[in-house]
Amino acid sequence: MKDPHRVMNAICTFIGISTQFFDEYDFRVENKTRSFRSMELQKLGYRVNMRFEKILNRNPKLRKMAQSLYRWINERHGQAGMQIDSETHEKLLKYYGDENEKLRHILADNYRRTEFPSWLP
């Protein structure tokens, strides 16, 4: 996320393909996960969007302005609301445990990685 051009160039170089495609590529975030202060307001916003979708599609500036206003009012910023409970976290660790262990060994043995994400114990 911090430097997508560098990462994609490294991947392309690693697999032996041209990096040229990413020279001018725009790495903008699409379909970003969002959390909201009020689910009732979110449901209302969804219904309003569906009702006026044709109008908003013909007027992208109006759509963008309405989205910005709505997000300013109802979006929860930062990591608030994005955490999973400890029970779900433990289930995921158990479910993916064997595969994560294999990945850890691959990264350590083949790429000499010593730092790993928190979900890769």
Foldseek 3Di string as FASTA:
>chain_A
DVCVLVVQCVVCVVVPHDSVVSPPDDPDDDPDDWDWPDVVVVVVVVVVCVVCVVVCVVPVVVVVVVVVVSCVVITDDDCPPVDDDPVVLVVVCVVCVVVLQVVVCCCCVVVVDDDDDPSRD
